[in-house]
């Protein structure tokens, strides 16, 4: 267990008792009062900082949740995109294998029909 510095101030050693005057002991006493006031202020500051950190933590949790939701949506979109691309590639492969010459004139005929109308 580590020694408490206040205990050392409250219990002067043998050399301090013989060498110390009343003024020194009074200064130590007023210093202790000041330390107590400082502790009270720092506890208020600590509570304020703690509250601020709690609100930051809540905000970060909300951002993290939103990020996770966006990631899920993006992964779903990516999977859907892959499936669509694979099906389109399969259709293109069927067209090119099934009737390579038949697929060529169709776009021209379609464009020719569009010009006539």
Protein backbone atom coordinates (compact mmCIF):
# COMPACT_ATOMS: atom_id res chain seq x y z
CA UNK A 1 0.00 0.00 0.00
CA UNK A 2 1.40 3.39 -0.93
CA UNK A 3 1.79 6.00 1.79
CA UNK A 4 -0.66 8.89 1.76
CA UNK A 5 1.08 12.29 1.51
CA UNK A 6 -1.60 13.87 3.72
CA UNK A 7 -0.72 11.46 6.51
CA UNK A 8 2.83 12.75 6.39
CA UNK A 9 1.56 16.33 6.70
CA UNK A 10 -0.76 15.50 9.56
CA UNK A 11 1.84 13.54 11.52
CA UNK A 12 5.08 15.51 11.56
CA UNK A 13 8.23 13.48 12.06
CA UNK A 14 10.46 13.91 15.13
CA UNK A 15 12.75 16.37 13.35
CA UNK A 16 9.79 18.53 12.28
CA UNK A 17 8.36 18.66 15.79
CA UNK A 18 11.55 19.97 17.32
CA UNK A 19 12.52 22.27 14.47
CA UNK A 20 9.07 23.41 13.36
CA UNK A 21 7.53 26.59 14.72
CA UNK A 22 3.84 27.41 15.12
CA UNK A 23 3.90 29.38 11.86
CA UNK A 24 5.04 26.33 9.89
CA UNK A 25 2.31 24.18 11.37
CA UNK A 26 -0.28 26.89 10.71
CA UNK A 27 0.88 27.14 7.08
CA UNK A 28 0.53 23.39 6.73
CA UNK A 29 -2.96 23.57 8.22
CA UNK A 30 -4.05 26.33 5.84
CA UNK A 31 -2.52 24.36 2.98
CA UNK A 32 -4.66 21.39 3.94
CA UNK A 33 -7.78 23.56 3.91
CA UNK A 34 -6.82 24.83 0.48
CA UNK A 35 -6.25 21.26 -0.70
CA UNK A 36 -9.73 20.30 0.54
CA UNK A 37 -11.31 23.21 -1.34
CA UNK A 38 -9.33 22.28 -4.43
CA UNK A 39 -10.56 18.71 -4.15
CA UNK A 40 -14.17 19.90 -3.95
CA UNK A 41 -13.70 22.01 -7.08
CA UNK A 42 -11.94 19.19 -8.87
CA UNK A 43 -14.79 16.81 -7.98
CA UNK A 44 -17.24 19.22 -9.60
CA UNK A 45 -14.95 19.46 -12.60
CA UNK A 46 -14.65 15.69 -12.63
CA UNK A 47 -18.43 15.31 -12.66
CA UNK A 48 -18.68 17.84 -15.48
CA UNK A 49 -16.01 16.07 -17.53
CA UNK A 50 -17.58 12.70 -16.76
CA UNK A 51 -20.96 13.94 -17.97
CA UNK A 52 -19.36 15.36 -21.11
CA UNK A 53 -17.57 12.07 -21.79
CA UNK A 54 -20.82 10.16 -21.31
CA UNK A 55 -22.52 12.33 -23.92
CA UNK A 56 -19.58 11.87 -26.30
CA UNK A 57 -19.73 8.13 -25.74
CA UNK A 58 -23.45 8.11 -26.56
CA UNK A 59 -22.83 10.12 -29.72
CA UNK A 60 -20.03 7.78 -30.78
CA UNK A 61 -22.25 4.76 -30.15
CA UNK A 62 -24.93 6.28 -32.38
CA UNK A 63 -22.37 6.98 -35.11
CA UNK A 64 -21.00 3.45 -34.82
CA UNK A 65 -24.51 1.98 -35.12
CA UNK A 66 -25.22 4.13 -38.16
CA UNK A 67 -21.89 3.06 -39.69
CA UNK A 68 -22.75 -0.61 -39.10
CA UNK A 69 -26.17 -0.12 -40.73
CA UNK A 70 -24.59 1.57 -43.76
CA UNK A 71 -22.05 -1.23 -44.03
CA UNK A 72 -24.83 -3.84 -44.05
CA UNK A 73 -26.70 -1.90 -46.74
CA UNK A 74 -23.57 -1.58 -48.87
CA UNK A 75 -22.78 -5.28 -48.56
CA UNK A 76 -26.35 -6.12 -49.56
CA UNK A 77 -26.12 -3.76 -52.54
CA UNK A 78 -22.77 -5.25 -53.54
CA UNK A 79 -24.16 -8.79 -53.39
CA UNK A 80 -27.19 -7.76 -55.46
CA UNK A 81 -24.91 -6.06 -57.99
CA UNK A 82 -22.77 -9.20 -58.29
CA UNK A 83 -25.82 -11.39 -58.88
CA UNK A 84 -27.17 -9.04 -61.56
CA UNK A 85 -23.78 -8.84 -63.28
CA UNK A 86 -23.39 -12.64 -63.25
CA UNK A 87 -26.86 -13.13 -64.72
CA UNK A 88 -26.14 -10.54 -67.43
CA UNK A 89 -22.83 -12.23 -68.25
CA UNK A 90 -24.61 -15.59 -68.45
CA UNK A 91 -27.22 -14.12 -70.83
CA UNK A 92 -24.51 -12.56 -72.99
CA UNK A 93 -22.65 -15.87 -73.08
CA UNK A 94 -25.85 -17.68 -74.18
CA UNK A 95 -26.49 -15.13 -76.92
CA UNK A 96 -22.97 -15.30 -78.27
CA UNK A 97 -22.90 -19.13 -78.14
CA UNK A 98 -26.48 -19.78 -79.37
CA UNK A 99 -26.74 -17.60 -82.46
CA UNK A 100 -23.74 -15.41 -83.02
CA UNK A 101 -24.93 -14.24 -86.47
CA UNK A 102 -28.55 -13.85 -85.36
CA UNK A 103 -27.79 -11.37 -82.62
CA UNK A 104 -25.92 -9.03 -84.96
CA UNK A 105 -28.73 -8.07 -87.38
CA UNK A 106 -31.38 -7.70 -84.68
CA UNK A 107 -30.05 -4.38 -83.35
CA UNK A 108 -29.75 -3.07 -86.92
CA UNK A 109 -33.29 -4.12 -87.75
CA UNK A 110 -34.55 -2.59 -84.55
CA UNK A 111 -32.77 0.64 -85.32
CA UNK A 112 -34.07 0.55 -88.90
CA UNK A 113 -37.63 0.10 -87.63
CA UNK A 114 -37.13 2.99 -85.27
CA UNK A 115 -36.02 5.19 -88.16
CA UNK A 116 -39.06 4.32 -90.24
CA UNK A 117 -41.49 5.34 -87.49
